[in-house]
Amino acid sequence: MSATHKLARILATRSGQGIELALATESGQTLKVLASQDQIDMLVDELEDILNSPVEPGDDEPPAAA
């Protein structure tokens, strides 16, 4: 697994039947991924769950990637 980088911004655009996400880091790197509508829906659900859950003490570290 690669090192964790701090996110600078996210850009999203439709690309054919999918949605292209461009994730830019503070160090200037950009990762582009193509996702389906279902994948974006799952991502939004996951982010809503995280944002709506209480912050636990000691949650300073990111979770391990699945």
C-alpha atoms as a PDB file:
ATOM      1  CA  MET A   1       0.000   0.000   0.000  1.00  0.00           C
ATOM      2  CA  SER A   2       1.229   3.482  -0.777  1.00  0.00           C
ATOM      3  CA  ALA A   3       1.726   6.282   1.718  1.00  0.00           C
ATOM      4  CA  THR A   4      -1.187   8.511   2.754  1.00  0.00           C
ATOM      5  CA  HIS A   5      -1.238  11.939   1.098  1.00  0.00           C
ATOM      6  CA  LYS A   6      -3.181  15.028   2.186  1.00  0.00           C
ATOM      7  CA  LEU A   7      -6.050  15.838  -0.170  1.00  0.00           C
ATOM      8  CA  ALA A   8      -6.064  19.279  -1.772  1.00  0.00           C
ATOM      9  CA  ARG A   9      -9.209  18.973  -3.895  1.00  0.00           C
ATOM     10  CA  ILE A  10     -11.504  16.641  -5.771  1.00  0.00           C
ATOM     11  CA  LEU A  11     -12.897  17.302  -9.224  1.00  0.00           C
ATOM     12  CA  ALA A  12     -15.687  15.247 -10.772  1.00  0.00           C
ATOM     13  CA  THR A  13     -17.059  15.138 -14.314  1.00  0.00           C
ATOM     14  CA  ARG A  14     -19.194  12.820 -16.413  1.00  0.00           C
ATOM     15  CA  SER A  15     -17.245  10.686 -18.847  1.00  0.00           C
ATOM     16  CA  GLY A  16     -19.483   8.611 -21.103  1.00  0.00           C
ATOM     17  CA  GLN A  17     -21.514   6.299 -18.864  1.00  0.00           C
ATOM     18  CA  GLY A  18     -19.209   6.875 -15.875  1.00  0.00           C
ATOM     19  CA  ILE A  19     -17.994   9.633 -13.613  1.00  0.00           C
ATOM     20  CA  GLU A  20     -14.332  10.616 -13.613  1.00  0.00           C
ATOM     21  CA  LEU A  21     -12.876  11.681 -10.272  1.00  0.00           C
ATOM     22  CA  ALA A  22      -9.586  13.568 -10.121  1.00  0.00           C
ATOM     23  CA  LEU A  23      -8.011  13.562  -6.647  1.00  0.00           C
ATOM     24  CA  ALA A  24      -5.284  16.174  -6.248  1.00  0.00           C
ATOM     25  CA  THR A  25      -2.860  16.068  -3.325  1.00  0.00           C
ATOM     26  CA  GLU A  26      -1.140  18.977  -1.618  1.00  0.00           C
ATOM     27  CA  SER A  27       2.147  17.706  -3.051  1.00  0.00           C
ATOM     28  CA  GLY A  28       0.817  18.165  -6.595  1.00  0.00           C
ATOM     29  CA  GLN A  29       0.067  14.553  -7.497  1.00  0.00           C
ATOM     30  CA  THR A  30      -3.209  13.748  -9.259  1.00  0.00           C
ATOM     31  CA  LEU A  31      -4.986  10.404  -9.429  1.00  0.00           C
ATOM     32  CA  LYS A  32      -7.819   9.968 -11.903  1.00  0.00           C
ATOM     33  CA  VAL A  33     -10.350   7.164 -11.548  1.00  0.00           C
ATOM     34  CA  LEU A  34     -13.456   6.254 -13.515  1.00  0.00           C
ATOM     35  CA  ALA A  35     -16.428   5.152 -11.408  1.00  0.00           C
ATOM     36  CA  SER A  36     -19.903   3.901 -12.189  1.00  0.00           C
ATOM     37  CA  GLN A  37     -23.042   5.623 -10.892  1.00  0.00           C
ATOM     38  CA  ASP A  38     -23.457   2.743  -8.400  1.00  0.00           C
ATOM     39  CA  GLN A  39     -19.897   3.207  -7.114  1.00  0.00           C
ATOM     40  CA  ILE A  40     -20.471   6.939  -6.622  1.00  0.00           C
ATOM     41  CA  ASP A  41     -23.724   6.201  -4.768  1.00  0.00           C
ATOM     42  CA  MET A  42     -21.848   3.800  -2.455  1.00  0.00           C
ATOM     43  CA  LEU A  43     -19.089   6.384  -1.909  1.00  0.00           C
ATOM     44  CA  VAL A  44     -21.634   9.075  -1.009  1.00  0.00           C
ATOM     45  CA  ASP A  45     -23.374   6.693   1.412  1.00  0.00           C
ATOM     46  CA  GLU A  46     -20.059   5.802   3.051  1.00  0.00           C
ATOM     47  CA  LEU A  47     -19.056   9.466   3.416  1.00  0.00           C
ATOM     48  CA  GLU A  48     -22.472  10.360   4.874  1.00  0.00           C
ATOM     49  CA  ASP A  49     -22.096   7.545   7.421  1.00  0.00           C
ATOM     50  CA  ILE A  50     -18.674   8.851   8.431  1.00  0.00           C
ATOM     51  CA  LEU A  51     -19.804  12.473   8.643  1.00  0.00           C
ATOM     52  CA  ASN A  52     -22.887  11.560  10.688  1.00  0.00           C
ATOM     53  CA  SER A  53     -21.055   9.333  13.169  1.00  0.00           C
ATOM     54  CA  PRO A  54     -19.557  10.661  16.408  1.00  0.00           C
ATOM     55  CA  VAL A  55     -15.839  11.317  16.457  1.00  0.00           C
ATOM     56  CA  GLU A  56     -14.060   8.842  18.711  1.00  0.00           C
ATOM     57  CA  PRO A  57     -11.027   9.902  20.774  1.00  0.00           C
ATOM     58  CA  GLY A  58      -7.876   8.665  19.058  1.00  0.00           C
ATOM     59  CA  ASP A  59      -9.403   8.700  15.565  1.00  0.00           C
ATOM     60  CA  ASP A  60      -6.433  10.655  14.215  1.00  0.00           C
ATOM     61  CA  GLU A  61      -5.211   7.814  11.996  1.00  0.00           C
ATOM     62  CA  PRO A  62      -6.923   6.930   8.709  1.00  0.00           C
ATOM     63  CA  PRO A  63      -8.501   3.472   8.499  1.00  0.00           C
ATOM     64  CA  ALA A  64      -6.686   0.656   6.752  1.00  0.00           C
ATOM     65  CA  ALA A  65      -7.691   0.296   3.110  1.00  0.00           C
ATOM     66  CA  ALA A  66     -10.107  -2.490   2.344  1.00  0.00           C
END
